[in-house]
């Protein structure tokens, strides 16, 4: 289903769209551009949330790694033989 919307854009933006849109299909071009932009923004937001979470949990993760290091080292030595 499609819905008609009225959007006002600067003439320079319309000229860019017309240059890039094949066969004068502005609607399809704008639809693709908006979806692409939103996907990119969602990826950036996810990356930011993951980074904040990693920083927030860094101290805890380091302590866990230090606690388990001896066990992993021993396992590695046994398997090496």
C-alpha atoms as a PDB file:
ATOM      1  CA  UNK A   1       0.000   0.000   0.000  1.00  0.00           C
ATOM      2  CA  UNK A   2       1.248   3.453  -0.824  1.00  0.00           C
ATOM      3  CA  UNK A   3       0.372   6.784   0.726  1.00  0.00           C
ATOM      4  CA  UNK A   4       0.797  10.162  -0.906  1.00  0.00           C
ATOM      5  CA  UNK A   5       2.616  12.811   1.138  1.00  0.00           C
ATOM      6  CA  UNK A   6       3.518  16.396   0.410  1.00  0.00           C
ATOM      7  CA  UNK A   7       7.130  17.291   1.062  1.00  0.00           C
ATOM      8  CA  UNK A   8       8.796  20.605   0.426  1.00  0.00           C
ATOM      9  CA  UNK A   9      12.448  20.450  -0.585  1.00  0.00           C
ATOM     10  CA  UNK A  10      14.958  23.018  -1.740  1.00  0.00           C
ATOM     11  CA  UNK A  11      15.287  23.230  -5.523  1.00  0.00           C
ATOM     12  CA  UNK A  12      18.899  22.097  -5.273  1.00  0.00           C
ATOM     13  CA  UNK A  13      17.799  18.896  -3.499  1.00  0.00           C
ATOM     14  CA  UNK A  14      15.149  18.204  -6.134  1.00  0.00           C
ATOM     15  CA  UNK A  15      17.794  18.693  -8.826  1.00  0.00           C
ATOM     16  CA  UNK A  16      20.030  16.127  -7.077  1.00  0.00           C
ATOM     17  CA  UNK A  17      17.150  13.670  -6.854  1.00  0.00           C
ATOM     18  CA  UNK A  18      16.307  14.150 -10.505  1.00  0.00           C
ATOM     19  CA  UNK A  19      19.931  13.543 -11.476  1.00  0.00           C
ATOM     20  CA  UNK A  20      20.117  10.343  -9.428  1.00  0.00           C
ATOM     21  CA  UNK A  21      16.618   8.920  -9.942  1.00  0.00           C
ATOM     22  CA  UNK A  22      16.336   6.675 -12.971  1.00  0.00           C
ATOM     23  CA  UNK A  23      13.533   7.438 -15.423  1.00  0.00           C
ATOM     24  CA  UNK A  24      12.291  10.282 -13.246  1.00  0.00           C
ATOM     25  CA  UNK A  25      11.104   7.897 -10.549  1.00  0.00           C
ATOM     26  CA  UNK A  26      11.498  10.235  -7.592  1.00  0.00           C
ATOM     27  CA  UNK A  27       9.230   8.281  -5.258  1.00  0.00           C
ATOM     28  CA  UNK A  28      11.173   5.043  -5.564  1.00  0.00           C
ATOM     29  CA  UNK A  29      14.479   6.882  -5.180  1.00  0.00           C
ATOM     30  CA  UNK A  30      13.319   8.761  -2.069  1.00  0.00           C
ATOM     31  CA  UNK A  31      11.853   5.562  -0.582  1.00  0.00           C
ATOM     32  CA  UNK A  32      15.163   3.759  -1.051  1.00  0.00           C
ATOM     33  CA  UNK A  33      17.182   6.715   0.285  1.00  0.00           C
ATOM     34  CA  UNK A  34      15.060   7.066   3.436  1.00  0.00           C
ATOM     35  CA  UNK A  35      15.190   3.332   4.193  1.00  0.00           C
ATOM     36  CA  UNK A  36      18.943   3.276   3.641  1.00  0.00           C
ATOM     37  CA  UNK A  37      19.419   6.299   5.906  1.00  0.00           C
ATOM     38  CA  UNK A  38      17.305   4.756   8.683  1.00  0.00           C
ATOM     39  CA  UNK A  39      19.190   1.426   8.502  1.00  0.00           C
ATOM     40  CA  UNK A  40      22.488   3.302   8.795  1.00  0.00           C
ATOM     41  CA  UNK A  41      21.234   5.321  11.780  1.00  0.00           C
ATOM     42  CA  UNK A  42      20.001   2.140  13.502  1.00  0.00           C
ATOM     43  CA  UNK A  43      23.422   0.528  13.020  1.00  0.00           C
ATOM     44  CA  UNK A  44      25.131   3.596  14.475  1.00  0.00           C
ATOM     45  CA  UNK A  45      22.792   3.587  17.481  1.00  0.00           C
ATOM     46  CA  UNK A  46      23.375  -0.126  18.078  1.00  0.00           C
ATOM     47  CA  UNK A  47      27.141   0.383  17.853  1.00  0.00           C
ATOM     48  CA  UNK A  48      26.903   3.212  20.398  1.00  0.00           C
ATOM     49  CA  UNK A  49      24.785   1.101  22.796  1.00  0.00           C
ATOM     50  CA  UNK A  50      27.199  -1.822  22.507  1.00  0.00           C
ATOM     51  CA  UNK A  51      30.162   0.464  23.166  1.00  0.00           C
ATOM     52  CA  UNK A  52      28.517   2.061  26.201  1.00  0.00           C
ATOM     53  CA  UNK A  53      27.627  -1.391  27.543  1.00  0.00           C
ATOM     54  CA  UNK A  54      31.160  -2.687  27.012  1.00  0.00           C
ATOM     55  CA  UNK A  55      32.625   0.305  28.833  1.00  0.00           C
ATOM     56  CA  UNK A  56      30.089  -0.071  31.643  1.00  0.00           C
ATOM     57  CA  UNK A  57      30.954  -3.767  32.094  1.00  0.00           C
ATOM     58  CA  UNK A  58      34.706  -3.538  31.411  1.00  0.00           C
ATOM     59  CA  UNK A  59      35.798  -3.747  35.045  1.00  0.00           C
ATOM     60  CA  UNK A  60      33.552  -6.752  35.734  1.00  0.00           C
ATOM     61  CA  UNK A  61      34.729  -8.510  32.558  1.00  0.00           C
ATOM     62  CA  UNK A  62      38.377  -7.937  33.431  1.00  0.00           C
ATOM     63  CA  UNK A  63      37.866  -9.429  36.898  1.00  0.00           C
ATOM     64  CA  UNK A  64      36.162 -12.487  35.398  1.00  0.00           C
ATOM     65  CA  UNK A  65      38.980 -12.961  32.906  1.00  0.00           C
ATOM     66  CA  UNK A  66      41.555 -12.708  35.675  1.00  0.00           C
ATOM     67  CA  UNK A  67      39.652 -15.209  37.843  1.00  0.00           C
ATOM     68  CA  UNK A  68      39.451 -17.791  35.066  1.00  0.00           C
ATOM     69  CA  UNK A  69      42.937 -17.267  33.635  1.00  0.00           C
ATOM     70  CA  UNK A  70      44.567 -19.914  35.849  1.00  0.00           C
ATOM     71  CA  UNK A  71      41.936 -22.505  34.932  1.00  0.00           C
ATOM     72  CA  UNK A  72      42.315 -21.813  31.218  1.00  0.00           C
ATOM     73  CA  UNK A  73      46.090 -21.876  31.476  1.00  0.00           C
ATOM     74  CA  UNK A  74      46.010 -25.270  33.205  1.00  0.00           C
ATOM     75  CA  UNK A  75      43.610 -26.671  30.623  1.00  0.00           C
ATOM     76  CA  UNK A  76      45.815 -25.423  27.803  1.00  0.00           C
ATOM     77  CA  UNK A  77      48.902 -27.048  29.353  1.00  0.00           C
ATOM     78  CA  UNK A  78      47.112 -30.405  29.774  1.00  0.00           C
ATOM     79  CA  UNK A  79      45.876 -30.406  26.185  1.00  0.00           C
ATOM     80  CA  UNK A  80      49.306 -29.436  24.862  1.00  0.00           C
ATOM     81  CA  UNK A  81      50.899 -32.662  26.169  1.00  0.00           C
END
